[in-house]
Amino acid sequence: RAEFAESVGENSVHGSDAPETAAI
């Protein structure tokens, strides 16, 4: 995000925040 994000909304990536979320 420091290198590629354009804004808070256009922040280049999403990632799971917990094992349960990742599984879903």
PDBML (XML) file of the C-alpha atoms, coordinates in Angstrom:
<?xml version="1.0" encoding="UTF-8" ?>
<PDBx:datablock datablockName="MODEL"
   xmlns:PDBx="http://pdbml.pdb.org/schema/pdbx-v50.xsd"
   xmlns:xsi="http://www.w3.org/2001/XMLSchema-instance"
   xsi:schemaLocation="http://pdbml.pdb.org/schema/pdbx-v50.xsd pdbx-v50.xsd">
   <PDBx:atom_siteCategory>
      <PDBx:atom_site id="1">
         <PDBx:B_iso_or_equiv>0.00</PDBx:B_iso_or_equiv>
         <PDBx:Cartn_x>0.000</PDBx:Cartn_x>
         <PDBx:Cartn_y>0.000</PDBx:Cartn_y>
         <PDBx:Cartn_z>0.000</PDBx:Cartn_z>
         <PDBx:auth_asym_id>A</PDBx:auth_asym_id>
         <PDBx:auth_atom_id>CA</PDBx:auth_atom_id>
         <PDBx:auth_comp_id>ARG</PDBx:auth_comp_id>
         <PDBx:auth_seq_id>1</PDBx:auth_seq_id>
         <PDBx:group_PDB>ATOM</PDBx:group_PDB>
         <PDBx:label_alt_id xsi:nil="true" />
         <PDBx:label_asym_id>A</PDBx:label_asym_id>
         <PDBx:label_atom_id>CA</PDBx:label_atom_id>
         <PDBx:label_comp_id>ARG</PDBx:label_comp_id>
         <PDBx:label_entity_id>1</PDBx:label_entity_id>
         <PDBx:label_seq_id>1</PDBx:label_seq_id>
         <PDBx:occupancy>1.00</PDBx:occupancy>
         <PDBx:pdbx_PDB_model_num>1</PDBx:pdbx_PDB_model_num>
         <PDBx:type_symbol>C</PDBx:type_symbol>
      </PDBx:atom_site>
      <PDBx:atom_site id="2">
         <PDBx:B_iso_or_equiv>0.00</PDBx:B_iso_or_equiv>
         <PDBx:Cartn_x>2.864</PDBx:Cartn_x>
         <PDBx:Cartn_y>2.418</PDBx:Cartn_y>
         <PDBx:Cartn_z>0.630</PDBx:Cartn_z>
         <PDBx:auth_asym_id>A</PDBx:auth_asym_id>
         <PDBx:auth_atom_id>CA</PDBx:auth_atom_id>
         <PDBx:auth_comp_id>ALA</PDBx:auth_comp_id>
         <PDBx:auth_seq_id>2</PDBx:auth_seq_id>
         <PDBx:group_PDB>ATOM</PDBx:group_PDB>
         <PDBx:label_alt_id xsi:nil="true" />
         <PDBx:label_asym_id>A</PDBx:label_asym_id>
         <PDBx:label_atom_id>CA</PDBx:label_atom_id>
         <PDBx:label_comp_id>ALA</PDBx:label_comp_id>
         <PDBx:label_entity_id>1</PDBx:label_entity_id>
         <PDBx:label_seq_id>2</PDBx:label_seq_id>
         <PDBx:occupancy>1.00</PDBx:occupancy>
         <PDBx:pdbx_PDB_model_num>1</PDBx:pdbx_PDB_model_num>
         <PDBx:type_symbol>C</PDBx:type_symbol>
      </PDBx:atom_site>
      <PDBx:atom_site id="3">
         <PDBx:B_iso_or_equiv>0.00</PDBx:B_iso_or_equiv>
         <PDBx:Cartn_x>4.223</PDBx:Cartn_x>
         <PDBx:Cartn_y>1.751</PDBx:Cartn_y>
         <PDBx:Cartn_z>-2.853</PDBx:Cartn_z>
         <PDBx:auth_asym_id>A</PDBx:auth_asym_id>
         <PDBx:auth_atom_id>CA</PDBx:auth_atom_id>
         <PDBx:auth_comp_id>GLU</PDBx:auth_comp_id>
         <PDBx:auth_seq_id>3</PDBx:auth_seq_id>
         <PDBx:group_PDB>ATOM</PDBx:group_PDB>
         <PDBx:label_alt_id xsi:nil="true" />
         <PDBx:label_asym_id>A</PDBx:label_asym_id>
         <PDBx:label_atom_id>CA</PDBx:label_atom_id>
         <PDBx:label_comp_id>GLU</PDBx:label_comp_id>
         <PDBx:label_entity_id>1</PDBx:label_entity_id>
         <PDBx:label_seq_id>3</PDBx:label_seq_id>
         <PDBx:occupancy>1.00</PDBx:occupancy>
         <PDBx:pdbx_PDB_model_num>1</PDBx:pdbx_PDB_model_num>
         <PDBx:type_symbol>C</PDBx:type_symbol>
      </PDBx:atom_site>
      <PDBx:atom_site id="4">
         <PDBx:B_iso_or_equiv>0.00</PDBx:B_iso_or_equiv>
         <PDBx:Cartn_x>1.109</PDBx:Cartn_x>
         <PDBx:Cartn_y>1.181</PDBx:Cartn_y>
         <PDBx:Cartn_z>-4.959</PDBx:Cartn_z>
         <PDBx:auth_asym_id>A</PDBx:auth_asym_id>
         <PDBx:auth_atom_id>CA</PDBx:auth_atom_id>
         <PDBx:auth_comp_id>PHE</PDBx:auth_comp_id>
         <PDBx:auth_seq_id>4</PDBx:auth_seq_id>
         <PDBx:group_PDB>ATOM</PDBx:group_PDB>
         <PDBx:label_alt_id xsi:nil="true" />
         <PDBx:label_asym_id>A</PDBx:label_asym_id>
         <PDBx:label_atom_id>CA</PDBx:label_atom_id>
         <PDBx:label_comp_id>PHE</PDBx:label_comp_id>
         <PDBx:label_entity_id>1</PDBx:label_entity_id>
         <PDBx:label_seq_id>4</PDBx:label_seq_id>
         <PDBx:occupancy>1.00</PDBx:occupancy>
         <PDBx:pdbx_PDB_model_num>1</PDBx:pdbx_PDB_model_num>
         <PDBx:type_symbol>C</PDBx:type_symbol>
      </PDBx:atom_site>
      <PDBx:atom_site id="5">
         <PDBx:B_iso_or_equiv>0.00</PDBx:B_iso_or_equiv>
         <PDBx:Cartn_x>-2.116</PDBx:Cartn_x>
         <PDBx:Cartn_y>2.371</PDBx:Cartn_y>
         <PDBx:Cartn_z>-3.293</PDBx:Cartn_z>
         <PDBx:auth_asym_id>A</PDBx:auth_asym_id>
         <PDBx:auth_atom_id>CA</PDBx:auth_atom_id>
         <PDBx:auth_comp_id>ALA</PDBx:auth_comp_id>
         <PDBx:auth_seq_id>5</PDBx:auth_seq_id>
         <PDBx:group_PDB>ATOM</PDBx:group_PDB>
         <PDBx:label_alt_id xsi:nil="true" />
         <PDBx:label_asym_id>A</PDBx:label_asym_id>
         <PDBx:label_atom_id>CA</PDBx:label_atom_id>
         <PDBx:label_comp_id>ALA</PDBx:label_comp_id>
         <PDBx:label_entity_id>1</PDBx:label_entity_id>
         <PDBx:label_seq_id>5</PDBx:label_seq_id>
         <PDBx:occupancy>1.00</PDBx:occupancy>
         <PDBx:pdbx_PDB_model_num>1</PDBx:pdbx_PDB_model_num>
         <PDBx:type_symbol>C</PDBx:type_symbol>
      </PDBx:atom_site>
      <PDBx:atom_site id="6">
         <PDBx:B_iso_or_equiv>0.00</PDBx:B_iso_or_equiv>
         <PDBx:Cartn_x>-3.730</PDBx:Cartn_x>
         <PDBx:Cartn_y>5.468</PDBx:Cartn_y>
         <PDBx:Cartn_z>-4.706</PDBx:Cartn_z>
         <PDBx:auth_asym_id>A</PDBx:auth_asym_id>
         <PDBx:auth_atom_id>CA</PDBx:auth_atom_id>
         <PDBx:auth_comp_id>GLU</PDBx:auth_comp_id>
         <PDBx:auth_seq_id>6</PDBx:auth_seq_id>
         <PDBx:group_PDB>ATOM</PDBx:group_PDB>
         <PDBx:label_alt_id xsi:nil="true" />
         <PDBx:label_asym_id>A</PDBx:label_asym_id>
         <PDBx:label_atom_id>CA</PDBx:label_atom_id>
         <PDBx:label_comp_id>GLU</PDBx:label_comp_id>
         <PDBx:label_entity_id>1</PDBx:label_entity_id>
         <PDBx:label_seq_id>6</PDBx:label_seq_id>
         <PDBx:occupancy>1.00</PDBx:occupancy>
         <PDBx:pdbx_PDB_model_num>1</PDBx:pdbx_PDB_model_num>
         <PDBx:type_symbol>C</PDBx:type_symbol>
      </PDBx:atom_site>
      <PDBx:atom_site id="7">
         <PDBx:B_iso_or_equiv>0.00</PDBx:B_iso_or_equiv>
         <PDBx:Cartn_x>-5.979</PDBx:Cartn_x>
         <PDBx:Cartn_y>6.245</PDBx:Cartn_y>
         <PDBx:Cartn_z>-1.718</PDBx:Cartn_z>
         <PDBx:auth_asym_id>A</PDBx:auth_asym_id>
         <PDBx:auth_atom_id>CA</PDBx:auth_atom_id>
         <PDBx:auth_comp_id>SER</PDBx:auth_comp_id>
         <PDBx:auth_seq_id>7</PDBx:auth_seq_id>
         <PDBx:group_PDB>ATOM</PDBx:group_PDB>
         <PDBx:label_alt_id xsi:nil="true" />
         <PDBx:label_asym_id>A</PDBx:label_asym_id>
         <PDBx:label_atom_id>CA</PDBx:label_atom_id>
         <PDBx:label_comp_id>SER</PDBx:label_comp_id>
         <PDBx:label_entity_id>1</PDBx:label_entity_id>
         <PDBx:label_seq_id>7</PDBx:label_seq_id>
         <PDBx:occupancy>1.00</PDBx:occupancy>
         <PDBx:pdbx_PDB_model_num>1</PDBx:pdbx_PDB_model_num>
         <PDBx:type_symbol>C</PDBx:type_symbol>
      </PDBx:atom_site>
      <PDBx:atom_site id="8">
         <PDBx:B_iso_or_equiv>0.00</PDBx:B_iso_or_equiv>
         <PDBx:Cartn_x>-7.694</PDBx:Cartn_x>
         <PDBx:Cartn_y>4.672</PDBx:Cartn_y>
         <PDBx:Cartn_z>1.285</PDBx:Cartn_z>
         <PDBx:auth_asym_id>A</PDBx:auth_asym_id>
         <PDBx:auth_atom_id>CA</PDBx:auth_atom_id>
         <PDBx:auth_comp_id>VAL</PDBx:auth_comp_id>
         <PDBx:auth_seq_id>8</PDBx:auth_seq_id>
         <PDBx:group_PDB>ATOM</PDBx:group_PDB>
         <PDBx:label_alt_id xsi:nil="true" />
         <PDBx:label_asym_id>A</PDBx:label_asym_id>
         <PDBx:label_atom_id>CA</PDBx:label_atom_id>
         <PDBx:label_comp_id>VAL</PDBx:label_comp_id>
         <PDBx:label_entity_id>1</PDBx:label_entity_id>
         <PDBx:label_seq_id>8</PDBx:label_seq_id>
         <PDBx:occupancy>1.00</PDBx:occupancy>
         <PDBx:pdbx_PDB_model_num>1</PDBx:pdbx_PDB_model_num>
         <PDBx:type_symbol>C</PDBx:type_symbol>
      </PDBx:atom_site>
      <PDBx:atom_site id="9">
         <PDBx:B_iso_or_equiv>0.00</PDBx:B_iso_or_equiv>
         <PDBx:Cartn_x>-10.444</PDBx:Cartn_x>
         <PDBx:Cartn_y>3.418</PDBx:Cartn_y>
         <PDBx:Cartn_z>-1.026</PDBx:Cartn_z>
         <PDBx:auth_asym_id>A</PDBx:auth_asym_id>
         <PDBx:auth_atom_id>CA</PDBx:auth_atom_id>
         <PDBx:auth_comp_id>GLY</PDBx:auth_comp_id>
         <PDBx:auth_seq_id>9</PDBx:auth_seq_id>
         <PDBx:group_PDB>ATOM</PDBx:group_PDB>
         <PDBx:label_alt_id xsi:nil="true" />
         <PDBx:label_asym_id>A</PDBx:label_asym_id>
         <PDBx:label_atom_id>CA</PDBx:label_atom_id>
         <PDBx:label_comp_id>GLY</PDBx:label_comp_id>
         <PDBx:label_entity_id>1</PDBx:label_entity_id>
         <PDBx:label_seq_id>9</PDBx:label_seq_id>
         <PDBx:occupancy>1.00</PDBx:occupancy>
         <PDBx:pdbx_PDB_model_num>1</PDBx:pdbx_PDB_model_num>
         <PDBx:type_symbol>C</PDBx:type_symbol>
      </PDBx:atom_site>
      <PDBx:atom_site id="10">
         <PDBx:B_iso_or_equiv>0.00</PDBx:B_iso_or_equiv>
         <PDBx:Cartn_x>-8.173</PDBx:Cartn_x>
         <PDBx:Cartn_y>2.362</PDBx:Cartn_y>
         <PDBx:Cartn_z>-3.876</PDBx:Cartn_z>
         <PDBx:auth_asym_id>A</PDBx:auth_asym_id>
         <PDBx:auth_atom_id>CA</PDBx:auth_atom_id>
         <PDBx:auth_comp_id>GLU</PDBx:auth_comp_id>
         <PDBx:auth_seq_id>10</PDBx:auth_seq_id>
         <PDBx:group_PDB>ATOM</PDBx:group_PDB>
         <PDBx:label_alt_id xsi:nil="true" />
         <PDBx:label_asym_id>A</PDBx:label_asym_id>
         <PDBx:label_atom_id>CA</PDBx:label_atom_id>
         <PDBx:label_comp_id>GLU</PDBx:label_comp_id>
         <PDBx:label_entity_id>1</PDBx:label_entity_id>
         <PDBx:label_seq_id>10</PDBx:label_seq_id>
         <PDBx:occupancy>1.00</PDBx:occupancy>
         <PDBx:pdbx_PDB_model_num>1</PDBx:pdbx_PDB_model_num>
         <PDBx:type_symbol>C</PDBx:type_symbol>
      </PDBx:atom_site>
      <PDBx:atom_site id="11">
         <PDBx:B_iso_or_equiv>0.00</PDBx:B_iso_or_equiv>
         <PDBx:Cartn_x>-5.574</PDBx:Cartn_x>
         <PDBx:Cartn_y>0.596</PDBx:Cartn_y>
         <PDBx:Cartn_z>-1.777</PDBx:Cartn_z>
         <PDBx:auth_asym_id>A</PDBx:auth_asym_id>
         <PDBx:auth_atom_id>CA</PDBx:auth_atom_id>
         <PDBx:auth_comp_id>ASN</PDBx:auth_comp_id>
         <PDBx:auth_seq_id>11</PDBx:auth_seq_id>
         <PDBx:group_PDB>ATOM</PDBx:group_PDB>
         <PDBx:label_alt_id xsi:nil="true" />
         <PDBx:label_asym_id>A</PDBx:label_asym_id>
         <PDBx:label_atom_id>CA</PDBx:label_atom_id>
         <PDBx:label_comp_id>ASN</PDBx:label_comp_id>
         <PDBx:label_entity_id>1</PDBx:label_entity_id>
         <PDBx:label_seq_id>11</PDBx:label_seq_id>
         <PDBx:occupancy>1.00</PDBx:occupancy>
         <PDBx:pdbx_PDB_model_num>1</PDBx:pdbx_PDB_model_num>
         <PDBx:type_symbol>C</PDBx:type_symbol>
      </PDBx:atom_site>
      <PDBx:atom_site id="12">
         <PDBx:B_iso_or_equiv>0.00</PDBx:B_iso_or_equiv>
         <PDBx:Cartn_x>-4.517</PDBx:Cartn_x>
         <PDBx:Cartn_y>-2.138</PDBx:Cartn_y>
         <PDBx:Cartn_z>-4.240</PDBx:Cartn_z>
         <PDBx:auth_asym_id>A</PDBx:auth_asym_id>
         <PDBx:auth_atom_id>CA</PDBx:auth_atom_id>
         <PDBx:auth_comp_id>SER</PDBx:auth_comp_id>
         <PDBx:auth_seq_id>12</PDBx:auth_seq_id>
         <PDBx:group_PDB>ATOM</PDBx:group_PDB>
         <PDBx:label_alt_id xsi:nil="true" />
         <PDBx:label_asym_id>A</PDBx:label_asym_id>
         <PDBx:label_atom_id>CA</PDBx:label_atom_id>
         <PDBx:label_comp_id>SER</PDBx:label_comp_id>
         <PDBx:label_entity_id>1</PDBx:label_entity_id>
         <PDBx:label_seq_id>12</PDBx:label_seq_id>
         <PDBx:occupancy>1.00</PDBx:occupancy>
         <PDBx:pdbx_PDB_model_num>1</PDBx:pdbx_PDB_model_num>
         <PDBx:type_symbol>C</PDBx:type_symbol>
      </PDBx:atom_site>
      <PDBx:atom_site id="13">
         <PDBx:B_iso_or_equiv>0.00</PDBx:B_iso_or_equiv>
         <PDBx:Cartn_x>-5.047</PDBx:Cartn_x>
         <PDBx:Cartn_y>-5.243</PDBx:Cartn_y>
         <PDBx:Cartn_z>-2.071</PDBx:Cartn_z>
         <PDBx:auth_asym_id>A</PDBx:auth_asym_id>
         <PDBx:auth_atom_id>CA</PDBx:auth_atom_id>
         <PDBx:auth_comp_id>VAL</PDBx:auth_comp_id>
         <PDBx:auth_seq_id>13</PDBx:auth_seq_id>
         <PDBx:group_PDB>ATOM</PDBx:group_PDB>
         <PDBx:label_alt_id xsi:nil="true" />
         <PDBx:label_asym_id>A</PDBx:label_asym_id>
         <PDBx:label_atom_id>CA</PDBx:label_atom_id>
         <PDBx:label_comp_id>VAL</PDBx:label_comp_id>
         <PDBx:label_entity_id>1</PDBx:label_entity_id>
         <PDBx:label_seq_id>13</PDBx:label_seq_id>
         <PDBx:occupancy>1.00</PDBx:occupancy>
         <PDBx:pdbx_PDB_model_num>1</PDBx:pdbx_PDB_model_num>
         <PDBx:type_symbol>C</PDBx:type_symbol>
      </PDBx:atom_site>
      <PDBx:atom_site id="14">
         <PDBx:B_iso_or_equiv>0.00</PDBx:B_iso_or_equiv>
         <PDBx:Cartn_x>-7.386</PDBx:Cartn_x>
         <PDBx:Cartn_y>-7.052</PDBx:Cartn_y>
         <PDBx:Cartn_z>0.301</PDBx:Cartn_z>
         <PDBx:auth_asym_id>A</PDBx:auth_asym_id>
         <PDBx:auth_atom_id>CA</PDBx:auth_atom_id>
         <PDBx:auth_comp_id>HIS</PDBx:auth_comp_id>
         <PDBx:auth_seq_id>14</PDBx:auth_seq_id>
         <PDBx:group_PDB>ATOM</PDBx:group_PDB>
         <PDBx:label_alt_id xsi:nil="true" />
         <PDBx:label_asym_id>A</PDBx:label_asym_id>
         <PDBx:label_atom_id>CA</PDBx:label_atom_id>
         <PDBx:label_comp_id>HIS</PDBx:label_comp_id>
         <PDBx:label_entity_id>1</PDBx:label_entity_id>
         <PDBx:label_seq_id>14</PDBx:label_seq_id>
         <PDBx:occupancy>1.00</PDBx:occupancy>
         <PDBx:pdbx_PDB_model_num>1</PDBx:pdbx_PDB_model_num>
         <PDBx:type_symbol>C</PDBx:type_symbol>
      </PDBx:atom_site>
      <PDBx:atom_site id="15">
         <PDBx:B_iso_or_equiv>0.00</PDBx:B_iso_or_equiv>
         <PDBx:Cartn_x>-6.346</PDBx:Cartn_x>
         <PDBx:Cartn_y>-9.725</PDBx:Cartn_y>
         <PDBx:Cartn_z>2.770</PDBx:Cartn_z>
         <PDBx:auth_asym_id>A</PDBx:auth_asym_id>
         <PDBx:auth_atom_id>CA</PDBx:auth_atom_id>
         <PDBx:auth_comp_id>GLY</PDBx:auth_comp_id>
         <PDBx:auth_seq_id>15</PDBx:auth_seq_id>
         <PDBx:group_PDB>ATOM</PDBx:group_PDB>
         <PDBx:label_alt_id xsi:nil="true" />
         <PDBx:label_asym_id>A</PDBx:label_asym_id>
         <PDBx:label_atom_id>CA</PDBx:label_atom_id>
         <PDBx:label_comp_id>GLY</PDBx:label_comp_id>
         <PDBx:label_entity_id>1</PDBx:label_entity_id>
         <PDBx:label_seq_id>15</PDBx:label_seq_id>
         <PDBx:occupancy>1.00</PDBx:occupancy>
         <PDBx:pdbx_PDB_model_num>1</PDBx:pdbx_PDB_model_num>
         <PDBx:type_symbol>C</PDBx:type_symbol>
      </PDBx:atom_site>
      <PDBx:atom_site id="16">
         <PDBx:B_iso_or_equiv>0.00</PDBx:B_iso_or_equiv>
         <PDBx:Cartn_x>-8.131</PDBx:Cartn_x>
         <PDBx:Cartn_y>-11.899</PDBx:Cartn_y>
         <PDBx:Cartn_z>5.298</PDBx:Cartn_z>
         <PDBx:auth_asym_id>A</PDBx:auth_asym_id>
         <PDBx:auth_atom_id>CA</PDBx:auth_atom_id>
         <PDBx:auth_comp_id>SER</PDBx:auth_comp_id>
         <PDBx:auth_seq_id>16</PDBx:auth_seq_id>
         <PDBx:group_PDB>ATOM</PDBx:group_PDB>
         <PDBx:label_alt_id xsi:nil="true" />
         <PDBx:label_asym_id>A</PDBx:label_asym_id>
         <PDBx:label_atom_id>CA</PDBx:label_atom_id>
         <PDBx:label_comp_id>SER</PDBx:label_comp_id>
         <PDBx:label_entity_id>1</PDBx:label_entity_id>
         <PDBx:label_seq_id>16</PDBx:label_seq_id>
         <PDBx:occupancy>1.00</PDBx:occupancy>
         <PDBx:pdbx_PDB_model_num>1</PDBx:pdbx_PDB_model_num>
         <PDBx:type_symbol>C</PDBx:type_symbol>
      </PDBx:atom_site>
      <PDBx:atom_site id="17">
         <PDBx:B_iso_or_equiv>0.00</PDBx:B_iso_or_equiv>
         <PDBx:Cartn_x>-7.909</PDBx:Cartn_x>
         <PDBx:Cartn_y>-10.751</PDBx:Cartn_y>
         <PDBx:Cartn_z>8.904</PDBx:Cartn_z>
         <PDBx:auth_asym_id>A</PDBx:auth_asym_id>
         <PDBx:auth_atom_id>CA</PDBx:auth_atom_id>
         <PDBx:auth_comp_id>ASP</PDBx:auth_comp_id>
         <PDBx:auth_seq_id>17</PDBx:auth_seq_id>
         <PDBx:group_PDB>ATOM</PDBx:group_PDB>
         <PDBx:label_alt_id xsi:nil="true" />
         <PDBx:label_asym_id>A</PDBx:label_asym_id>
         <PDBx:label_atom_id>CA</PDBx:label_atom_id>
         <PDBx:label_comp_id>ASP</PDBx:label_comp_id>
         <PDBx:label_entity_id>1</PDBx:label_entity_id>
         <PDBx:label_seq_id>17</PDBx:label_seq_id>
         <PDBx:occupancy>1.00</PDBx:occupancy>
         <PDBx:pdbx_PDB_model_num>1</PDBx:pdbx_PDB_model_num>
         <PDBx:type_symbol>C</PDBx:type_symbol>
      </PDBx:atom_site>
      <PDBx:atom_site id="18">
         <PDBx:B_iso_or_equiv>0.00</PDBx:B_iso_or_equiv>
         <PDBx:Cartn_x>-8.360</PDBx:Cartn_x>
         <PDBx:Cartn_y>-14.068</PDBx:Cartn_y>
         <PDBx:Cartn_z>10.752</PDBx:Cartn_z>
         <PDBx:auth_asym_id>A</PDBx:auth_asym_id>
         <PDBx:auth_atom_id>CA</PDBx:auth_atom_id>
         <PDBx:auth_comp_id>ALA</PDBx:auth_comp_id>
         <PDBx:auth_seq_id>18</PDBx:auth_seq_id>
         <PDBx:group_PDB>ATOM</PDBx:group_PDB>
         <PDBx:label_alt_id xsi:nil="true" />
         <PDBx:label_asym_id>A</PDBx:label_asym_id>
         <PDBx:label_atom_id>CA</PDBx:label_atom_id>
         <PDBx:label_comp_id>ALA</PDBx:label_comp_id>
         <PDBx:label_entity_id>1</PDBx:label_entity_id>
         <PDBx:label_seq_id>18</PDBx:label_seq_id>
         <PDBx:occupancy>1.00</PDBx:occupancy>
         <PDBx:pdbx_PDB_model_num>1</PDBx:pdbx_PDB_model_num>
         <PDBx:type_symbol>C</PDBx:type_symbol>
      </PDBx:atom_site>
      <PDBx:atom_site id="19">
         <PDBx:B_iso_or_equiv>0.00</PDBx:B_iso_or_equiv>
         <PDBx:Cartn_x>-8.344</PDBx:Cartn_x>
         <PDBx:Cartn_y>-17.842</PDBx:Cartn_y>
         <PDBx:Cartn_z>10.130</PDBx:Cartn_z>
         <PDBx:auth_asym_id>A</PDBx:auth_asym_id>
         <PDBx:auth_atom_id>CA</PDBx:auth_atom_id>
         <PDBx:auth_comp_id>PRO</PDBx:auth_comp_id>
         <PDBx:auth_seq_id>19</PDBx:auth_seq_id>
         <PDBx:group_PDB>ATOM</PDBx:group_PDB>
         <PDBx:label_alt_id xsi:nil="true" />
         <PDBx:label_asym_id>A</PDBx:label_asym_id>
         <PDBx:label_atom_id>CA</PDBx:label_atom_id>
         <PDBx:label_comp_id>PRO</PDBx:label_comp_id>
         <PDBx:label_entity_id>1</PDBx:label_entity_id>
         <PDBx:label_seq_id>19</PDBx:label_seq_id>
         <PDBx:occupancy>1.00</PDBx:occupancy>
         <PDBx:pdbx_PDB_model_num>1</PDBx:pdbx_PDB_model_num>
         <PDBx:type_symbol>C</PDBx:type_symbol>
      </PDBx:atom_site>
      <PDBx:atom_site id="20">
         <PDBx:B_iso_or_equiv>0.00</PDBx:B_iso_or_equiv>
         <PDBx:Cartn_x>-12.158</PDBx:Cartn_x>
         <PDBx:Cartn_y>-17.979</PDBx:Cartn_y>
         <PDBx:Cartn_z>10.138</PDBx:Cartn_z>
         <PDBx:auth_asym_id>A</PDBx:auth_asym_id>
         <PDBx:auth_atom_id>CA</PDBx:auth_atom_id>
         <PDBx:auth_comp_id>GLU</PDBx:auth_comp_id>
         <PDBx:auth_seq_id>20</PDBx:auth_seq_id>
         <PDBx:group_PDB>ATOM</PDBx:group_PDB>
         <PDBx:label_alt_id xsi:nil="true" />
         <PDBx:label_asym_id>A</PDBx:label_asym_id>
         <PDBx:label_atom_id>CA</PDBx:label_atom_id>
         <PDBx:label_comp_id>GLU</PDBx:label_comp_id>
         <PDBx:label_entity_id>1</PDBx:label_entity_id>
         <PDBx:label_seq_id>20</PDBx:label_seq_id>
         <PDBx:occupancy>1.00</PDBx:occupancy>
         <PDBx:pdbx_PDB_model_num>1</PDBx:pdbx_PDB_model_num>
         <PDBx:type_symbol>C</PDBx:type_symbol>
      </PDBx:atom_site>
      <PDBx:atom_site id="21">
         <PDBx:B_iso_or_equiv>0.00</PDBx:B_iso_or_equiv>
         <PDBx:Cartn_x>-12.422</PDBx:Cartn_x>
         <PDBx:Cartn_y>-15.141</PDBx:Cartn_y>
         <PDBx:Cartn_z>7.642</PDBx:Cartn_z>
         <PDBx:auth_asym_id>A</PDBx:auth_asym_id>
         <PDBx:auth_atom_id>CA</PDBx:auth_atom_id>
         <PDBx:auth_comp_id>THR</PDBx:auth_comp_id>
         <PDBx:auth_seq_id>21</PDBx:auth_seq_id>
         <PDBx:group_PDB>ATOM</PDBx:group_PDB>
         <PDBx:label_alt_id xsi:nil="true" />
         <PDBx:label_asym_id>A</PDBx:label_asym_id>
         <PDBx:label_atom_id>CA</PDBx:label_atom_id>
         <PDBx:label_comp_id>THR</PDBx:label_comp_id>
         <PDBx:label_entity_id>1</PDBx:label_entity_id>
         <PDBx:label_seq_id>21</PDBx:label_seq_id>
         <PDBx:occupancy>1.00</PDBx:occupancy>
         <PDBx:pdbx_PDB_model_num>1</PDBx:pdbx_PDB_model_num>
         <PDBx:type_symbol>C</PDBx:type_symbol>
      </PDBx:atom_site>
      <PDBx:atom_site id="22">
         <PDBx:B_iso_or_equiv>0.00</PDBx:B_iso_or_equiv>
         <PDBx:Cartn_x>-9.738</PDBx:Cartn_x>
         <PDBx:Cartn_y>-16.706</PDBx:Cartn_y>
         <PDBx:Cartn_z>5.438</PDBx:Cartn_z>
         <PDBx:auth_asym_id>A</PDBx:auth_asym_id>
         <PDBx:auth_atom_id>CA</PDBx:auth_atom_id>
         <PDBx:auth_comp_id>ALA</PDBx:auth_comp_id>
         <PDBx:auth_seq_id>22</PDBx:auth_seq_id>
         <PDBx:group_PDB>ATOM</PDBx:group_PDB>
         <PDBx:label_alt_id xsi:nil="true" />
         <PDBx:label_asym_id>A</PDBx:label_asym_id>
         <PDBx:label_atom_id>CA</PDBx:label_atom_id>
         <PDBx:label_comp_id>ALA</PDBx:label_comp_id>
         <PDBx:label_entity_id>1</PDBx:label_entity_id>
         <PDBx:label_seq_id>22</PDBx:label_seq_id>
         <PDBx:occupancy>1.00</PDBx:occupancy>
         <PDBx:pdbx_PDB_model_num>1</PDBx:pdbx_PDB_model_num>
         <PDBx:type_symbol>C</PDBx:type_symbol>
      </PDBx:atom_site>
      <PDBx:atom_site id="23">
         <PDBx:B_iso_or_equiv>0.00</PDBx:B_iso_or_equiv>
         <PDBx:Cartn_x>-11.636</PDBx:Cartn_x>
         <PDBx:Cartn_y>-20.003</PDBx:Cartn_y>
         <PDBx:Cartn_z>5.296</PDBx:Cartn_z>
         <PDBx:auth_asym_id>A</PDBx:auth_asym_id>
         <PDBx:auth_atom_id>CA</PDBx:auth_atom_id>
         <PDBx:auth_comp_id>ALA</PDBx:auth_comp_id>
         <PDBx:auth_seq_id>23</PDBx:auth_seq_id>
         <PDBx:group_PDB>ATOM</PDBx:group_PDB>
         <PDBx:label_alt_id xsi:nil="true" />
         <PDBx:label_asym_id>A</PDBx:label_asym_id>
         <PDBx:label_atom_id>CA</PDBx:label_atom_id>
         <PDBx:label_comp_id>ALA</PDBx:label_comp_id>
         <PDBx:label_entity_id>1</PDBx:label_entity_id>
         <PDBx:label_seq_id>23</PDBx:label_seq_id>
         <PDBx:occupancy>1.00</PDBx:occupancy>
         <PDBx:pdbx_PDB_model_num>1</PDBx:pdbx_PDB_model_num>
         <PDBx:type_symbol>C</PDBx:type_symbol>
      </PDBx:atom_site>
      <PDBx:atom_site id="24">
         <PDBx:B_iso_or_equiv>0.00</PDBx:B_iso_or_equiv>
         <PDBx:Cartn_x>-14.882</PDBx:Cartn_x>
         <PDBx:Cartn_y>-18.258</PDBx:Cartn_y>
         <PDBx:Cartn_z>4.299</PDBx:Cartn_z>
         <PDBx:auth_asym_id>A</PDBx:auth_asym_id>
         <PDBx:auth_atom_id>CA</PDBx:auth_atom_id>
         <PDBx:auth_comp_id>ILE</PDBx:auth_comp_id>
         <PDBx:auth_seq_id>24</PDBx:auth_seq_id>
         <PDBx:group_PDB>ATOM</PDBx:group_PDB>
         <PDBx:label_alt_id xsi:nil="true" />
         <PDBx:label_asym_id>A</PDBx:label_asym_id>
         <PDBx:label_atom_id>CA</PDBx:label_atom_id>
         <PDBx:label_comp_id>ILE</PDBx:label_comp_id>
         <PDBx:label_entity_id>1</PDBx:label_entity_id>
         <PDBx:label_seq_id>24</PDBx:label_seq_id>
         <PDBx:occupancy>1.00</PDBx:occupancy>
         <PDBx:pdbx_PDB_model_num>1</PDBx:pdbx_PDB_model_num>
         <PDBx:type_symbol>C</PDBx:type_symbol>
      </PDBx:atom_site>
   </PDBx:atom_siteCategory>
</PDBx:datablock>
